[in-house]
Structures are given as structure tokens and as C-alpha cells.
Amino acid sequence: MSALVLALVAGAVVGLVLGALGGGGSVLAVPALVYLLGFTPAAATTASLIIVTATSLTALYAHARTGEVRWKAGALFSAAGLLPAAVAGAVASRLPQP
């Protein structure tokens, strides 16, 4: 099976499972990228962030159209996570690589 077909099938399965169960995309996307498509863990994590961002924006748009988004709570939650995420990223980039 070609890598493109495998990627499409894995992406569809991950999307269906997580859409049905409401889980986070990285839970299944990272292992699929590593074990099925041969990504390194670092590359899979980066790709997963892009995938999750795209799917989250799609879901946000759909929910916003029906008025189901609690904008204030979402903004506060996002704001509270920005600084810790930036600090963690800065610290992680300085850790020795195996």
C-alpha cells in the first residue's frame, strides 16, 4: 500500500474514532504517524499539532454557527495556557537530546 493511501486511511480512521468519542487528536495521530508512516516521534508530534489545529478550527466553525461556543470561557482557558506553554517550549528546546 502506498504511503499516500496509508496516510489517508489512517487519517480517516483516526478522525472517525476521535470524532465519535470526542478525544484529543494526538492520542491516536502520533502513534499512527510513527508506526504506520515511519515518522520520528518529534516529526509526528509536530505534524499532529498541525492536524489538531486544522480539525479544531473546523469544529469551532461548525459549533460557532449554531451558537454552541462559550467564547469567554474559551478565551480565558486559552489565555491561561499561553504562558505555561511558552515556558515549557523554551525549556524543552534547551534539554539535551538523546
PDB file of N, CA and C in Angstrom:
ATOM      1  N   MET A   1       0.857  -1.176   0.000  1.00  0.00           N
ATOM      2  CA  MET A   1       0.000   0.000   0.000  1.00  0.00           C
ATOM      3  C   MET A   1       0.895   1.227   0.000  1.00  0.00           C
ATOM      4  N   SER A   2       0.580   2.188  -0.841  1.00  0.00           N
ATOM      5  CA  SER A   2       1.417   3.383  -0.926  1.00  0.00           C
ATOM      6  C   SER A   2       1.264   4.221   0.336  1.00  0.00           C
ATOM      7  N   ALA A   3       2.264   5.055   0.589  1.00  0.00           N
ATOM      8  CA  ALA A   3       2.254   5.902   1.785  1.00  0.00           C
ATOM      9  C   ALA A   3       1.075   6.866   1.771  1.00  0.00           C
ATOM     10  N   LEU A   4       0.713   7.358   0.596  1.00  0.00           N
ATOM     11  CA  LEU A   4      -0.409   8.294   0.498  1.00  0.00           C
ATOM     12  C   LEU A   4      -1.722   7.614   0.878  1.00  0.00           C
ATOM     13  N   VAL A   5      -1.948   6.425   0.343  1.00  0.00           N
ATOM     14  CA  VAL A   5      -3.177   5.692   0.664  1.00  0.00           C
ATOM     15  C   VAL A   5      -3.206   5.339   2.146  1.00  0.00           C
ATOM     16  N   LEU A   6      -2.075   4.886   2.671  1.00  0.00           N
ATOM     17  CA  LEU A   6      -1.988   4.551   4.091  1.00  0.00           C
ATOM     18  C   LEU A   6      -2.260   5.775   4.955  1.00  0.00           C
ATOM     19  N   ALA A   7      -1.715   6.914   4.569  1.00  0.00           N
ATOM     20  CA  ALA A   7      -1.946   8.151   5.320  1.00  0.00           C
ATOM     21  C   ALA A   7      -3.420   8.541   5.288  1.00  0.00           C
ATOM     22  N   LEU A   8      -4.050   8.427   4.131  1.00  0.00           N
ATOM     23  CA  LEU A   8      -5.468   8.769   4.014  1.00  0.00           C
ATOM     24  C   LEU A   8      -6.347   7.836   4.838  1.00  0.00           C
ATOM     25  N   VAL A   9      -6.062   6.547   4.786  1.00  0.00           N
ATOM     26  CA  VAL A   9      -6.848   5.577   5.555  1.00  0.00           C
ATOM     27  C   VAL A   9      -6.648   5.801   7.052  1.00  0.00           C
ATOM     28  N   ALA A  10      -5.396   5.955   7.477  1.00  0.00           N
ATOM     29  CA  ALA A  10      -5.120   6.180   8.901  1.00  0.00           C
ATOM     30  C   ALA A  10      -5.766   7.474   9.382  1.00  0.00           C
ATOM     31  N   GLY A  11      -5.679   8.521   8.589  1.00  0.00           N
ATOM     32  CA  GLY A  11      -6.297   9.792   8.957  1.00  0.00           C
ATOM     33  C   GLY A  11      -7.805   9.682   9.075  1.00  0.00           C
ATOM     34  N   ALA A  12      -8.416   8.952   8.159  1.00  0.00           N
ATOM     35  CA  ALA A  12      -9.870   8.770   8.206  1.00  0.00           C
ATOM     36  C   ALA A  12     -10.288   7.978   9.438  1.00  0.00           C
ATOM     37  N   VAL A  13      -9.560   6.915   9.746  1.00  0.00           N
ATOM     38  CA  VAL A  13      -9.882   6.105  10.925  1.00  0.00           C
ATOM     39  C   VAL A  13      -9.707   6.920  12.202  1.00  0.00           C
ATOM     40  N   VAL A  14      -8.589   7.625  12.312  1.00  0.00           N
ATOM     41  CA  VAL A  14      -8.344   8.467  13.489  1.00  0.00           C
ATOM     42  C   VAL A  14      -9.440   9.523  13.609  1.00  0.00           C
ATOM     43  N   GLY A  15      -9.788  10.166  12.511  1.00  0.00           N
ATOM     44  CA  GLY A  15     -10.830  11.188  12.533  1.00  0.00           C
ATOM     45  C   GLY A  15     -12.184  10.639  12.945  1.00  0.00           C
ATOM     46  N   LEU A  16     -12.543   9.481  12.425  1.00  0.00           N
ATOM     47  CA  LEU A  16     -13.827   8.872  12.781  1.00  0.00           C
ATOM     48  C   LEU A  16     -13.876   8.479  14.253  1.00  0.00           C
ATOM     49  N   VAL A  17     -12.825   7.840  14.727  1.00  0.00           N
ATOM     50  CA  VAL A  17     -12.802   7.397  16.125  1.00  0.00           C
ATOM     51  C   VAL A  17     -12.842   8.586  17.069  1.00  0.00           C
ATOM     52  N   LEU A  18     -12.002   9.568  16.820  1.00  0.00           N
ATOM     53  CA  LEU A  18     -11.951  10.714  17.724  1.00  0.00           C
ATOM     54  C   LEU A  18     -13.183  11.598  17.590  1.00  0.00           C
ATOM     55  N   GLY A  19     -13.745  11.687  16.400  1.00  0.00           N
ATOM     56  CA  GLY A  19     -14.983  12.438  16.235  1.00  0.00           C
ATOM     57  C   GLY A  19     -16.132  11.791  16.986  1.00  0.00           C
ATOM     58  N   ALA A  20     -16.164  10.476  16.982  1.00  0.00           N
ATOM     59  CA  ALA A  20     -17.233   9.750  17.674  1.00  0.00           C
ATOM     60  C   ALA A  20     -17.055   9.774  19.186  1.00  0.00           C
ATOM     61  N   LEU A  21     -15.811   9.704  19.639  1.00  0.00           N
ATOM     62  CA  LEU A  21     -15.549   9.619  21.077  1.00  0.00           C
ATOM     63  C   LEU A  21     -15.215  10.956  21.712  1.00  0.00           C
ATOM     64  N   GLY A  22     -14.871  11.956  20.909  1.00  0.00           N
ATOM     65  CA  GLY A  22     -14.557  13.275  21.450  1.00  0.00           C
ATOM     66  C   GLY A  22     -13.194  13.375  22.096  1.00  0.00           C
ATOM     67  N   GLY A  23     -12.274  12.523  21.725  1.00  0.00           N
ATOM     68  CA  GLY A  23     -10.935  12.560  22.310  1.00  0.00           C
ATOM     69  C   GLY A  23     -10.034  13.551  21.611  1.00  0.00           C
ATOM     70  N   GLY A  24      -8.857  13.743  22.183  1.00  0.00           N
ATOM     71  CA  GLY A  24      -7.865  14.616  21.570  1.00  0.00           C
ATOM     72  C   GLY A  24      -7.206  13.926  20.386  1.00  0.00           C
ATOM     73  N   GLY A  25      -6.932  14.683  19.345  1.00  0.00           N
ATOM     74  CA  GLY A  25      -6.401  14.118  18.119  1.00  0.00           C
ATOM     75  C   GLY A  25      -5.032  13.483  18.232  1.00  0.00           C
ATOM     76  N   SER A  26      -4.190  14.004  19.108  1.00  0.00           N
ATOM     77  CA  SER A  26      -2.829  13.491  19.227  1.00  0.00           C
ATOM     78  C   SER A  26      -2.775  12.093  19.816  1.00  0.00           C
ATOM     79  N   VAL A  27      -3.811  11.706  20.537  1.00  0.00           N
ATOM     80  CA  VAL A  27      -3.825  10.399  21.191  1.00  0.00           C
ATOM     81  C   VAL A  27      -3.650   9.278  20.180  1.00  0.00           C
ATOM     82  N   LEU A  28      -4.269   9.394  19.041  1.00  0.00           N
ATOM     83  CA  LEU A  28      -4.146   8.371  18.001  1.00  0.00           C
ATOM     84  C   LEU A  28      -3.293   8.813  16.822  1.00  0.00           C
ATOM     85  N   ALA A  29      -3.223  10.107  16.573  1.00  0.00           N
ATOM     86  CA  ALA A  29      -2.494  10.588  15.400  1.00  0.00           C
ATOM     87  C   ALA A  29      -0.996  10.332  15.521  1.00  0.00           C
ATOM     88  N   VAL A  30      -0.414  10.611  16.675  1.00  0.00           N
ATOM     89  CA  VAL A  30       1.037  10.433  16.827  1.00  0.00           C
ATOM     90  C   VAL A  30       1.440   8.973  16.639  1.00  0.00           C
ATOM     91  N   PRO A  31       0.797   8.008  17.315  1.00  0.00           N
ATOM     92  CA  PRO A  31       1.178   6.611  17.060  1.00  0.00           C
ATOM     93  C   PRO A  31       0.966   6.186  15.608  1.00  0.00           C
ATOM     94  N   ALA A  32      -0.101   6.663  14.973  1.00  0.00           N
ATOM     95  CA  ALA A  32      -0.331   6.310  13.569  1.00  0.00           C
ATOM     96  C   ALA A  32       0.787   6.852  12.687  1.00  0.00           C
ATOM     97  N   LEU A  33       1.196   8.083  12.935  1.00  0.00           N
ATOM     98  CA  LEU A  33       2.270   8.678  12.137  1.00  0.00           C
ATOM     99  C   LEU A  33       3.601   7.959  12.363  1.00  0.00           C
ATOM    100  N   VAL A  34       3.872   7.568  13.603  1.00  0.00           N
ATOM    101  CA  VAL A  34       5.143   6.902  13.917  1.00  0.00           C
ATOM    102  C   VAL A  34       5.161   5.475  13.377  1.00  0.00           C
ATOM    103  N   TYR A  35       4.143   4.681  13.732  1.00  0.00           N
ATOM    104  CA  TYR A  35       4.185   3.253  13.429  1.00  0.00           C
ATOM    105  C   TYR A  35       3.714   2.894  12.026  1.00  0.00           C
ATOM    106  N   LEU A  36       2.822   3.676  11.476  1.00  0.00           N
ATOM    107  CA  LEU A  36       2.324   3.347  10.139  1.00  0.00           C
ATOM    108  C   LEU A  36       3.057   4.082   9.027  1.00  0.00           C
ATOM    109  N   LEU A  37       3.485   5.313   9.312  1.00  0.00           N
ATOM    110  CA  LEU A  37       4.089   6.120   8.251  1.00  0.00           C
ATOM    111  C   LEU A  37       5.575   6.381   8.448  1.00  0.00           C
ATOM    112  N   GLY A  38       6.153   5.879   9.549  1.00  0.00           N
ATOM    113  CA  GLY A  38       7.594   5.981   9.742  1.00  0.00           C
ATOM    114  C   GLY A  38       8.114   7.334  10.177  1.00  0.00           C
ATOM    115  N   PHE A  39       7.253   8.195  10.702  1.00  0.00           N
ATOM    116  CA  PHE A  39       7.709   9.495  11.208  1.00  0.00           C
ATOM    117  C   PHE A  39       8.547   9.286  12.463  1.00  0.00           C
ATOM    118  N   THR A  40       9.477  10.193  12.721  1.00  0.00           N
ATOM    119  CA  THR A  40      10.146  10.201  14.019  1.00  0.00           C
ATOM    120  C   THR A  40       9.135  10.737  15.036  1.00  0.00           C
ATOM    121  N   PRO A  41       9.314  10.434  16.322  1.00  0.00           N
ATOM    122  CA  PRO A  41       8.377  10.975  17.315  1.00  0.00           C
ATOM    123  C   PRO A  41       8.285  12.499  17.287  1.00  0.00           C
ATOM    124  N   ALA A  42       9.402  13.173  17.095  1.00  0.00           N
ATOM    125  CA  ALA A  42       9.379  14.641  17.054  1.00  0.00           C
ATOM    126  C   ALA A  42       8.597  15.144  15.843  1.00  0.00           C
ATOM    127  N   ALA A  43       8.830  14.537  14.685  1.00  0.00           N
ATOM    128  CA  ALA A  43       8.106  14.946  13.478  1.00  0.00           C
ATOM    129  C   ALA A  43       6.621  14.615  13.593  1.00  0.00           C
ATOM    130  N   ALA A  44       6.302  13.479  14.206  1.00  0.00           N
ATOM    131  CA  ALA A  44       4.896  13.099  14.384  1.00  0.00           C
ATOM    132  C   ALA A  44       4.182  14.065  15.318  1.00  0.00           C
ATOM    133  N   THR A  45       4.866  14.496  16.361  1.00  0.00           N
ATOM    134  CA  THR A  45       4.273  15.450  17.296  1.00  0.00           C
ATOM    135  C   THR A  45       4.002  16.775  16.600  1.00  0.00           C
ATOM    136  N   THR A  46       4.955  17.240  15.812  1.00  0.00           N
ATOM    137  CA  THR A  46       4.777  18.491  15.074  1.00  0.00           C
ATOM    138  C   THR A  46       3.634  18.373  14.072  1.00  0.00           C
ATOM    139  N   ALA A  47       3.612  17.294  13.313  1.00  0.00           N
ATOM    140  CA  ALA A  47       2.532  17.088  12.341  1.00  0.00           C
ATOM    141  C   ALA A  47       1.182  16.997  13.043  1.00  0.00           C
ATOM    142  N   SER A  48       1.167  16.345  14.191  1.00  0.00           N
ATOM    143  CA  SER A  48      -0.073  16.210  14.949  1.00  0.00           C
ATOM    144  C   SER A  48      -0.605  17.563  15.403  1.00  0.00           C
ATOM    145  N   LEU A  49       0.284  18.463  15.772  1.00  0.00           N
ATOM    146  CA  LEU A  49      -0.155  19.807  16.166  1.00  0.00           C
ATOM    147  C   LEU A  49      -0.847  20.518  15.007  1.00  0.00           C
ATOM    148  N   ILE A  50      -0.304  20.355  13.817  1.00  0.00           N
ATOM    149  CA  ILE A  50      -0.915  20.969  12.635  1.00  0.00           C
ATOM    150  C   ILE A  50      -2.267  20.320  12.342  1.00  0.00           C
ATOM    151  N   ILE A  51      -2.323  19.003  12.432  1.00  0.00           N
ATOM    152  CA  ILE A  51      -3.564  18.266  12.177  1.00  0.00           C
ATOM    153  C   ILE A  51      -4.641  18.662  13.179  1.00  0.00           C
ATOM    154  N   VAL A  52      -4.277  18.689  14.459  1.00  0.00           N
ATOM    155  CA  VAL A  52      -5.245  19.030  15.507  1.00  0.00           C
ATOM    156  C   VAL A  52      -5.723  20.470  15.354  1.00  0.00           C
ATOM    157  N   THR A  53      -4.831  21.379  14.988  1.00  0.00           N
ATOM    158  CA  THR A  53      -5.237  22.773  14.775  1.00  0.00           C
ATOM    159  C   THR A  53      -6.264  22.868  13.654  1.00  0.00           C
ATOM    160  N   ALA A  54      -6.002  22.196  12.550  1.00  0.00           N
ATOM    161  CA  ALA A  54      -6.934  22.247  11.413  1.00  0.00           C
ATOM    162  C   ALA A  54      -8.288  21.651  11.773  1.00  0.00           C
ATOM    163  N   THR A  55      -8.289  20.506  12.428  1.00  0.00           N
ATOM    164  CA  THR A  55      -9.566  19.883  12.780  1.00  0.00           C
ATOM    165  C   THR A  55     -10.295  20.672  13.861  1.00  0.00           C
ATOM    166  N   SER A  56      -9.560  21.268  14.781  1.00  0.00           N
ATOM    167  CA  SER A  56     -10.185  22.085  15.826  1.00  0.00           C
ATOM    168  C   SER A  56     -10.843  23.322  15.238  1.00  0.00           C
ATOM    169  N   LEU A  57     -10.175  23.961  14.292  1.00  0.00           N
ATOM    170  CA  LEU A  57     -10.761  25.137  13.650  1.00  0.00           C
ATOM    171  C   LEU A  57     -12.020  24.775  12.864  1.00  0.00           C
ATOM    172  N   THR A  58     -12.007  23.622  12.233  1.00  0.00           N
ATOM    173  CA  THR A  58     -13.188  23.158  11.509  1.00  0.00           C
ATOM    174  C   THR A  58     -14.353  22.927  12.469  1.00  0.00           C
ATOM    175  N   ALA A  59     -14.073  22.262  13.586  1.00  0.00           N
ATOM    176  CA  ALA A  59     -15.117  22.009  14.586  1.00  0.00           C
ATOM    177  C   ALA A  59     -15.598  23.309  15.225  1.00  0.00           C
ATOM    178  N   LEU A  60     -14.675  24.226  15.497  1.00  0.00           N
ATOM    179  CA  LEU A  60     -15.053  25.516  16.074  1.00  0.00           C
ATOM    180  C   LEU A  60     -16.016  26.252  15.152  1.00  0.00           C
ATOM    181  N   TYR A  61     -15.719  26.270  13.884  1.00  0.00           N
ATOM    182  CA  TYR A  61     -16.590  26.938  12.912  1.00  0.00           C
ATOM    183  C   TYR A  61     -17.994  26.329  12.933  1.00  0.00           C
ATOM    184  N   ALA A  62     -18.056  24.997  12.933  1.00  0.00           N
ATOM    185  CA  ALA A  62     -19.356  24.323  12.923  1.00  0.00           C
ATOM    186  C   ALA A  62     -20.150  24.630  14.191  1.00  0.00           C
ATOM    187  N   HIS A  63     -19.493  24.603  15.339  1.00  0.00           N
ATOM    188  CA  HIS A  63     -20.184  24.875  16.603  1.00  0.00           C
ATOM    189  C   HIS A  63     -20.536  26.354  16.744  1.00  0.00           C
ATOM    190  N   ALA A  64     -19.696  27.228  16.245  1.00  0.00           N
ATOM    191  CA  ALA A  64     -19.971  28.667  16.333  1.00  0.00           C
ATOM    192  C   ALA A  64     -21.196  29.036  15.502  1.00  0.00           C
ATOM    193  N   ARG A  65     -21.372  28.383  14.382  1.00  0.00           N
ATOM    194  CA  ARG A  65     -22.543  28.659  13.532  1.00  0.00           C
ATOM    195  C   ARG A  65     -23.847  28.341  14.236  1.00  0.00           C
ATOM    196  N   THR A  66     -23.822  27.389  15.163  1.00  0.00           N
ATOM    197  CA  THR A  66     -25.046  27.011  15.883  1.00  0.00           C
ATOM    198  C   THR A  66     -25.121  27.666  17.258  1.00  0.00           C
ATOM    199  N   GLY A  67     -24.167  28.544  17.566  1.00  0.00           N
ATOM    200  CA  GLY A  67     -24.192  29.268  18.836  1.00  0.00           C
ATOM    201  C   GLY A  67     -23.801  28.446  20.042  1.00  0.00           C
ATOM    202  N   GLU A  68     -23.055  27.385  19.840  1.00  0.00           N
ATOM    203  CA  GLU A  68     -22.689  26.478  20.928  1.00  0.00           C
ATOM    204  C   GLU A  68     -21.308  26.742  21.516  1.00  0.00           C
ATOM    205  N   VAL A  69     -20.702  27.867  21.197  1.00  0.00           N
ATOM    206  CA  VAL A  69     -19.356  28.159  21.688  1.00  0.00           C
ATOM    207  C   VAL A  69     -19.443  29.136  22.852  1.00  0.00           C
ATOM    208  N   ARG A  70     -18.785  28.793  23.938  1.00  0.00           N
ATOM    209  CA  ARG A  70     -18.693  29.692  25.090  1.00  0.00           C
ATOM    210  C   ARG A  70     -17.392  30.479  24.929  1.00  0.00           C
ATOM    211  N   TRP A  71     -17.473  31.590  24.195  1.00  0.00           N
ATOM    212  CA  TRP A  71     -16.302  32.361  23.800  1.00  0.00           C
ATOM    213  C   TRP A  71     -15.498  32.852  24.997  1.00  0.00           C
ATOM    214  N   LYS A  72     -16.159  33.378  26.028  1.00  0.00           N
ATOM    215  CA  LYS A  72     -15.442  33.928  27.181  1.00  0.00           C
ATOM    216  C   LYS A  72     -14.652  32.834  27.898  1.00  0.00           C
ATOM    217  N   ALA A  73     -15.278  31.698  28.151  1.00  0.00           N
ATOM    218  CA  ALA A  73     -14.588  30.594  28.820  1.00  0.00           C
ATOM    219  C   ALA A  73     -13.418  30.096  27.968  1.00  0.00           C
ATOM    220  N   GLY A  74     -13.632  29.990  26.667  1.00  0.00           N
ATOM    221  CA  GLY A  74     -12.562  29.548  25.773  1.00  0.00           C
ATOM    222  C   GLY A  74     -11.397  30.512  25.742  1.00  0.00           C
ATOM    223  N   ALA A  75     -11.704  31.808  25.722  1.00  0.00           N
ATOM    224  CA  ALA A  75     -10.644  32.825  25.716  1.00  0.00           C
ATOM    225  C   ALA A  75      -9.852  32.801  27.015  1.00  0.00           C
ATOM    226  N   LEU A  76     -10.543  32.658  28.144  1.00  0.00           N
ATOM    227  CA  LEU A  76      -9.848  32.596  29.435  1.00  0.00           C
ATOM    228  C   LEU A  76      -8.970  31.349  29.532  1.00  0.00           C
ATOM    229  N   PHE A  77      -9.497  30.222  29.105  1.00  0.00           N
ATOM    230  CA  PHE A  77      -8.738  28.974  29.141  1.00  0.00           C
ATOM    231  C   PHE A  77      -7.501  29.070  28.253  1.00  0.00           C
ATOM    232  N   SER A  78      -7.663  29.637  27.067  1.00  0.00           N
ATOM    233  CA  SER A  78      -6.529  29.812  26.151  1.00  0.00           C
ATOM    234  C   SER A  78      -5.482  30.746  26.732  1.00  0.00           C
ATOM    235  N   ALA A  79      -5.936  31.864  27.286  1.00  0.00           N
ATOM    236  CA  ALA A  79      -5.007  32.837  27.866  1.00  0.00           C
ATOM    237  C   ALA A  79      -4.223  32.225  29.019  1.00  0.00           C
ATOM    238  N   ALA A  80      -4.892  31.413  29.833  1.00  0.00           N
ATOM    239  CA  ALA A  80      -4.218  30.789  30.975  1.00  0.00           C
ATOM    240  C   ALA A  80      -3.156  29.786  30.527  1.00  0.00           C
ATOM    241  N   GLY A  81      -3.302  29.210  29.352  1.00  0.00           N
ATOM    242  CA  GLY A  81      -2.346  28.219  28.880  1.00  0.00           C
ATOM    243  C   GLY A  81      -1.201  28.762  28.053  1.00  0.00           C
ATOM    244  N   LEU A  82      -1.289  30.000  27.604  1.00  0.00           N
ATOM    245  CA  LEU A  82      -0.258  30.548  26.717  1.00  0.00           C
ATOM    246  C   LEU A  82       1.112  30.659  27.385  1.00  0.00           C
ATOM    247  N   LEU A  83       1.177  31.275  28.542  1.00  0.00           N
ATOM    248  CA  LEU A  83       2.466  31.460  29.209  1.00  0.00           C
ATOM    249  C   LEU A  83       3.101  30.126  29.603  1.00  0.00           C
ATOM    250  N   PRO A  84       2.363  29.216  30.261  1.00  0.00           N
ATOM    251  CA  PRO A  84       2.981  27.921  30.573  1.00  0.00           C
ATOM    252  C   PRO A  84       3.458  27.166  29.332  1.00  0.00           C
ATOM    253  N   ALA A  85       2.717  27.248  28.245  1.00  0.00           N
ATOM    254  CA  ALA A  85       3.134  26.568  27.017  1.00  0.00           C
ATOM    255  C   ALA A  85       4.411  27.179  26.455  1.00  0.00           C
ATOM    256  N   ALA A  86       4.515  28.498  26.494  1.00  0.00           N
ATOM    257  CA  ALA A  86       5.720  29.175  26.005  1.00  0.00           C
ATOM    258  C   ALA A  86       6.930  28.819  26.863  1.00  0.00           C
ATOM    259  N   VAL A  87       6.740  28.793  28.176  1.00  0.00           N
ATOM    260  CA  VAL A  87       7.839  28.438  29.086  1.00  0.00           C
ATOM    261  C   VAL A  87       8.269  26.991  28.851  1.00  0.00           C
ATOM    262  N   ALA A  88       7.302  26.093  28.744  1.00  0.00           N
ATOM    263  CA  ALA A  88       7.632  24.683  28.513  1.00  0.00           C
ATOM    264  C   ALA A  88       8.372  24.496  27.194  1.00  0.00           C
ATOM    265  N   GLY A  89       7.966  25.210  26.160  1.00  0.00           N
ATOM    266  CA  GLY A  89       8.654  25.122  24.873  1.00  0.00           C
ATOM    267  C   GLY A  89      10.080  25.621  24.951  1.00  0.00           C
ATOM    268  N   ALA A  90      10.284  26.712  25.685  1.00  0.00           N
ATOM    269  CA  ALA A  90      11.634  27.264  25.837  1.00  0.00           C
ATOM    270  C   ALA A  90      12.526  26.313  26.625  1.00  0.00           C
ATOM    271  N   VAL A  91      11.977  25.725  27.674  1.00  0.00           N
ATOM    272  CA  VAL A  91      12.754  24.782  28.492  1.00  0.00           C
ATOM    273  C   VAL A  91      13.061  23.522  27.687  1.00  0.00           C
ATOM    274  N   ALA A  92      12.079  23.003  26.980  1.00  0.00           N
ATOM    275  CA  ALA A  92      12.269  21.774  26.212  1.00  0.00           C
ATOM    276  C   ALA A  92      13.338  21.931  25.141  1.00  0.00           C
ATOM    277  N   SER A  93      13.427  23.102  24.546  1.00  0.00           N
ATOM    278  CA  SER A  93      14.425  23.303  23.494  1.00  0.00           C
ATOM    279  C   SER A  93      15.846  23.329  24.042  1.00  0.00           C
ATOM    280  N   ARG A  94      15.988  23.502  25.335  1.00  0.00           N
ATOM    281  CA  ARG A  94      17.315  23.539  25.949  1.00  0.00           C
ATOM    282  C   ARG A  94      17.734  22.200  26.570  1.00  0.00           C
ATOM    283  N   LEU A  95      16.836  21.236  26.581  1.00  0.00           N
ATOM    284  CA  LEU A  95      17.156  19.928  27.142  1.00  0.00           C
ATOM    285  C   LEU A  95      18.075  19.165  26.195  1.00  0.00           C
ATOM    286  N   PRO A  96      18.989  18.369  26.749  1.00  0.00           N
ATOM    287  CA  PRO A  96      19.872  17.583  25.879  1.00  0.00           C
ATOM    288  C   PRO A  96      19.074  16.522  25.120  1.00  0.00           C
ATOM    289  N   GLN A  97      19.435  16.316  23.883  1.00  0.00           N
ATOM    290  CA  GLN A  97      18.762  15.324  23.052  1.00  0.00           C
ATOM    291  C   GLN A  97      19.444  13.974  23.217  1.00  0.00           C
ATOM    292  N   PRO A  98      18.666  12.897  23.233  1.00  0.00           N
ATOM    293  CA  PRO A  98      19.268  11.553  23.390  1.00  0.00           C
ATOM    294  C   PRO A  98      20.054  11.140  22.167  1.00  0.00           C
TER     295      PRO A  98
END
